[in-house]
């Protein structure tokens, strides 16, 4: 394992984050505050509780997941796409390092950025509501697994994209709708039976459900199923990245 190469890639990617620290922090803080104003106050005044949890507190895990997914994908996709765009990726690929070490460097940095932002969002949410976490260890586990798995997914998008428009295509048209339809701001049990069945095919539901259980011991699906789904997604993304590097897909030209 070439730890020096991993450290160089990781530090280079994190440097961009630290150089724009205020901008990176201001965006999630302002967005979280707006969500609490709109959903917590306006809708919360009409929906008092869901499964015994006040609505303002209930939406916190969904808000964190919404930011985690979007930020993980954005950080990882741009992190690998920009070297492709400038042509410097070939310098990395010609170095004596394996694809796994490249992935650890880029994805590790993207996951670290997302984890920091997720922590900031939790701190911001605590300013609006009295937040108690029932299972902090499981909360951290779901947080870290989500950051890593969706950073891998963003890495795949960055390798696949051939221009900046494609870089935004999947996050905007696929991931964001899935997050909103995955129970971020409501419980699936509130939907009609037919729509509950349809929602079960949304993979984001399992992430949000497991994460919410770690806070309130309330879940739409089994915690074991949620954990299995996120691990399966992580392994599937890793397999796709391995195939891309093995075949040189979108990397050789």
Protein backbone atom coordinates (compact mmCIF):
# COMPACT_ATOMS: atom_id res chain seq x y z
CA UNK A 1 0.00 0.00 0.00
CA UNK A 2 1.46 3.34 -1.10
CA UNK A 3 0.46 5.48 1.89
CA UNK A 4 2.50 8.45 0.68
CA UNK A 5 0.51 8.66 -2.57
CA UNK A 6 -2.77 8.36 -0.71
CA UNK A 7 -1.73 11.12 1.68
CA UNK A 8 -0.72 13.45 -1.17
CA UNK A 9 -4.03 13.00 -3.03
CA UNK A 10 -6.01 13.34 0.19
CA UNK A 11 -4.20 16.51 1.31
CA UNK A 12 -4.50 18.08 -2.15
CA UNK A 13 -8.26 17.51 -2.23
CA UNK A 14 -8.76 18.69 1.35
CA UNK A 15 -6.76 21.85 0.63
CA UNK A 16 -9.48 23.06 -1.75
CA UNK A 17 -12.03 22.58 1.04
CA UNK A 18 -10.00 24.54 3.60
CA UNK A 19 -9.38 27.35 1.09
CA UNK A 20 -13.14 27.84 0.71
CA UNK A 21 -14.03 26.97 4.30
CA UNK A 22 -16.41 29.86 4.99
CA UNK A 23 -18.25 29.30 1.72
CA UNK A 24 -18.45 25.55 2.39
CA UNK A 25 -19.83 26.11 5.90
CA UNK A 26 -22.15 29.02 5.13
CA UNK A 27 -24.15 27.13 2.50
CA UNK A 28 -25.28 24.15 4.67
CA UNK A 29 -25.90 26.38 7.70
CA UNK A 30 -28.13 28.78 5.73
CA UNK A 31 -29.90 25.90 3.94
CA UNK A 32 -30.58 24.07 7.22
CA UNK A 33 -31.90 27.25 8.82
CA UNK A 34 -34.24 27.86 5.87
CA UNK A 35 -35.54 24.28 6.02
CA UNK A 36 -36.33 24.72 9.70
CA UNK A 37 -38.13 27.98 9.02
CA UNK A 38 -40.19 26.53 6.17
CA UNK A 39 -40.76 22.94 7.31
CA UNK A 40 -40.23 23.21 11.05
CA UNK A 41 -42.33 26.33 11.59
CA UNK A 42 -44.85 26.46 8.75
CA UNK A 43 -45.59 22.73 8.41
CA UNK A 44 -44.67 21.90 12.00
CA UNK A 45 -47.46 24.16 13.24
CA UNK A 46 -49.93 21.86 11.45
CA UNK A 47 -48.22 18.51 12.08
CA UNK A 48 -47.46 18.33 15.78
CA UNK A 49 -45.96 14.83 16.02
CA UNK A 50 -44.99 11.84 13.89
CA UNK A 51 -44.63 8.50 15.70
CA UNK A 52 -44.41 10.34 19.01
CA UNK A 53 -41.63 12.69 17.85
CA UNK A 54 -42.21 16.42 17.36
CA UNK A 55 -42.09 17.35 13.69
CA UNK A 56 -39.23 19.84 14.07
CA UNK A 57 -37.03 17.12 15.58
CA UNK A 58 -38.33 14.41 13.21
CA UNK A 59 -37.00 16.15 10.09
CA UNK A 60 -33.42 16.50 11.40
CA UNK A 61 -32.15 13.10 10.12
CA UNK A 62 -33.74 13.79 6.74
CA UNK A 63 -32.07 17.21 6.54
CA UNK A 64 -28.69 15.70 7.39
CA UNK A 65 -29.12 12.93 4.80
CA UNK A 66 -30.21 15.43 2.14
CA UNK A 67 -27.01 17.42 2.62
CA UNK A 68 -24.80 14.35 3.01
CA UNK A 69 -25.94 12.77 -0.23
CA UNK A 70 -25.72 15.92 -2.32
CA UNK A 71 -22.40 17.06 -0.85
CA UNK A 72 -20.78 13.61 -1.03
CA UNK A 73 -21.69 13.27 -4.71
CA UNK A 74 -20.69 16.84 -5.56
CA UNK A 75 -17.32 16.71 -3.80
CA UNK A 76 -16.30 13.32 -5.20
CA UNK A 77 -17.55 13.89 -8.75
CA UNK A 78 -15.85 17.27 -9.12
CA UNK A 79 -12.70 15.98 -7.40
CA UNK A 80 -12.07 13.35 -10.12
CA UNK A 81 -13.71 15.16 -13.05
CA UNK A 82 -11.51 18.26 -12.82
CA UNK A 83 -8.24 16.27 -13.27
CA UNK A 84 -9.91 14.56 -16.25
CA UNK A 85 -10.94 17.94 -17.64
CA UNK A 86 -7.45 19.43 -17.29
CA UNK A 87 -5.63 16.22 -18.30
CA UNK A 88 -3.71 15.87 -15.04
CA UNK A 89 -5.45 12.55 -14.32
CA UNK A 90 -2.96 10.85 -16.63
CA UNK A 91 -0.13 11.87 -14.33
CA UNK A 92 -1.91 10.16 -11.46
CA UNK A 93 -2.64 7.03 -13.50
CA UNK A 94 0.96 6.78 -14.71
CA UNK A 95 2.26 6.89 -11.14
CA UNK A 96 3.12 3.57 -9.42
CA UNK A 97 -0.15 3.41 -7.46
CA UNK A 98 -3.14 1.11 -7.79
CA UNK A 99 -6.73 2.11 -8.54
CA UNK A 100 -7.61 1.27 -4.93
CA UNK A 101 -5.09 3.79 -3.61
CA UNK A 102 -6.41 6.44 -6.00
CA UNK A 103 -9.95 5.76 -4.82
CA UNK A 104 -8.96 5.94 -1.16
CA UNK A 105 -7.32 9.33 -1.71
CA UNK A 106 -10.14 10.96 -3.68
CA UNK A 107 -13.11 9.28 -2.01
CA UNK A 108 -11.57 9.60 1.45
CA UNK A 109 -11.23 13.36 1.00
CA UNK A 110 -14.79 13.70 -0.33
CA UNK A 111 -16.18 11.59 2.51
CA UNK A 112 -14.22 13.66 5.06
CA UNK A 113 -15.68 16.90 3.68
CA UNK A 114 -19.20 15.47 3.81
CA UNK A 115 -18.69 14.21 7.36
CA UNK A 116 -17.56 17.66 8.50
CA UNK A 117 -20.57 19.29 6.84
CA UNK A 118 -22.92 16.68 8.34
CA UNK A 119 -21.53 17.45 11.80
CA UNK A 120 -22.03 21.18 11.20
CA UNK A 121 -25.65 20.58 10.17
CA UNK A 122 -26.27 18.57 13.35
CA UNK A 123 -24.84 21.41 15.43
CA UNK A 124 -26.99 23.93 13.53
CA UNK A 125 -30.11 21.79 14.02
CA UNK A 126 -29.42 21.65 17.74
CA UNK A 127 -29.81 25.44 17.83
CA UNK A 128 -33.42 25.10 16.63
CA UNK A 129 -34.59 21.98 18.45
CA UNK A 130 -33.65 19.94 21.52
CA UNK A 131 -31.93 17.01 19.84
CA UNK A 132 -31.25 13.75 21.69
CA UNK A 133 -29.57 10.81 19.95
CA UNK A 134 -30.68 7.42 21.25
CA UNK A 135 -27.85 5.44 19.62
CA UNK A 136 -24.86 7.72 18.92
CA UNK A 137 -22.60 4.82 17.84
CA UNK A 138 -25.10 3.63 15.23
CA UNK A 139 -25.67 7.23 14.18
CA UNK A 140 -21.95 7.62 13.50
CA UNK A 141 -21.88 4.29 11.66
CA UNK A 142 -24.72 5.29 9.31
CA UNK A 143 -23.16 8.73 8.88
CA UNK A 144 -19.75 7.36 7.88
CA UNK A 145 -21.14 4.60 5.65
CA UNK A 146 -23.36 7.10 3.83
CA UNK A 147 -20.47 9.53 3.30
CA UNK A 148 -18.24 6.78 1.89
CA UNK A 149 -20.83 5.03 -0.27
CA UNK A 150 -22.19 8.19 -1.91
CA UNK A 151 -18.71 9.61 -2.35
CA UNK A 152 -17.98 6.43 -4.30
CA UNK A 153 -21.16 7.02 -6.29
CA UNK A 154 -20.06 10.59 -6.99
CA UNK A 155 -16.63 9.28 -8.04
CA UNK A 156 -18.39 7.08 -10.61
CA UNK A 157 -20.36 10.06 -11.91
CA UNK A 158 -17.13 12.07 -12.20
CA UNK A 159 -15.51 9.29 -14.23
CA UNK A 160 -18.61 8.89 -16.41
CA UNK A 161 -19.24 12.58 -17.10
CA UNK A 162 -17.71 14.13 -20.22
CA UNK A 163 -18.77 17.72 -19.45
CA UNK A 164 -20.01 19.88 -16.59
CA UNK A 165 -23.65 19.45 -17.64
CA UNK A 166 -23.47 15.67 -17.23
CA UNK A 167 -21.78 16.18 -13.88
CA UNK A 168 -25.02 17.76 -12.56
CA UNK A 169 -27.46 15.54 -14.46
CA UNK A 170 -27.79 12.56 -12.11
CA UNK A 171 -27.62 14.52 -8.82
CA UNK A 172 -30.30 16.97 -9.94
CA UNK A 173 -32.67 14.68 -11.84
CA UNK A 174 -32.26 11.42 -9.92
CA UNK A 175 -30.70 11.74 -6.47
CA UNK A 176 -32.47 14.87 -5.19
CA UNK A 177 -36.00 13.64 -6.10
CA UNK A 178 -35.23 10.26 -4.51
CA UNK A 179 -34.19 12.01 -1.29
CA UNK A 180 -37.38 14.06 -1.11
CA UNK A 181 -39.50 10.98 -1.94
CA UNK A 182 -37.58 8.77 0.51
CA UNK A 183 -39.24 9.98 3.70
CA UNK A 184 -36.93 12.90 4.47
CA UNK A 185 -39.72 15.09 5.82
CA UNK A 186 -42.47 12.56 6.51
CA UNK A 187 -43.06 9.00 7.58
CA UNK A 188 -43.82 6.44 4.88
CA UNK A 189 -46.70 5.20 7.03
CA UNK A 190 -48.50 8.47 6.23
CA UNK A 191 -48.75 7.48 2.55
CA UNK A 192 -51.57 5.41 0.98
CA UNK A 193 -50.78 1.66 0.91
CA UNK A 194 -50.03 1.65 -2.83
CA UNK A 195 -47.50 4.46 -2.50
CA UNK A 196 -45.92 2.79 0.51
CA UNK A 197 -45.16 -0.20 -1.70
CA UNK A 198 -43.71 2.03 -4.42
CA UNK A 199 -41.53 3.86 -1.89
CA UNK A 200 -39.93 0.58 -0.81
CA UNK A 201 -38.15 0.54 -4.20
CA UNK A 202 -36.46 3.84 -3.35
CA UNK A 203 -32.95 2.99 -2.02
CA UNK A 204 -32.68 6.32 -0.20
CA UNK A 205 -35.58 5.29 2.05
CA UNK A 206 -33.38 2.68 3.74
CA UNK A 207 -30.62 5.20 4.45
CA UNK A 208 -32.97 7.75 5.99
CA UNK A 209 -34.93 5.13 7.92
CA UNK A 210 -31.83 3.58 9.51
CA UNK A 211 -30.36 6.98 10.29
CA UNK A 212 -33.63 8.17 11.86
CA UNK A 213 -33.80 5.01 13.99
CA UNK A 214 -30.42 5.87 15.52
CA UNK A 215 -31.97 9.14 16.73
CA UNK A 216 -35.47 8.19 17.88
CA UNK A 217 -35.73 4.36 17.62
CA UNK A 218 -38.38 4.99 14.97
CA UNK A 219 -37.97 3.44 11.52
CA UNK A 220 -40.04 2.78 8.40
CA UNK A 221 -38.10 -0.41 7.61
CA UNK A 222 -35.97 -2.83 9.62
CA UNK A 223 -32.63 -1.42 10.79
CA UNK A 224 -30.89 -4.61 9.67
CA UNK A 225 -32.30 -4.19 6.18
CA UNK A 226 -31.18 -0.54 6.12
CA UNK A 227 -27.64 -1.51 7.11
CA UNK A 228 -27.53 -4.35 4.56
CA UNK A 229 -28.74 -2.04 1.78
CA UNK A 230 -26.10 0.62 2.39
CA UNK A 231 -23.30 -1.98 2.58
CA UNK A 232 -24.57 -3.57 -0.66
CA UNK A 233 -24.63 -0.15 -2.34
CA UNK A 234 -21.08 0.56 -1.17
CA UNK A 235 -19.76 -2.76 -2.50
CA UNK A 236 -21.62 -2.31 -5.79
CA UNK A 237 -20.08 1.16 -6.27
CA UNK A 238 -16.62 -0.20 -5.47
CA UNK A 239 -17.08 -2.98 -8.05
CA UNK A 240 -18.12 -0.44 -10.71
CA UNK A 241 -15.09 1.75 -9.98
CA UNK A 242 -12.82 -1.30 -10.23
CA UNK A 243 -14.35 -2.16 -13.62
CA UNK A 244 -13.91 1.42 -14.86
CA UNK A 245 -10.22 1.45 -14.00
CA UNK A 246 -9.67 -2.09 -15.31
CA UNK A 247 -11.25 -1.32 -18.69
CA UNK A 248 -10.10 2.30 -18.84
CA UNK A 249 -13.69 3.47 -19.31
CA UNK A 250 -13.68 7.24 -19.97
CA UNK A 251 -10.05 7.34 -18.82
CA UNK A 252 -8.00 6.42 -21.87
CA UNK A 253 -9.11 9.21 -24.18
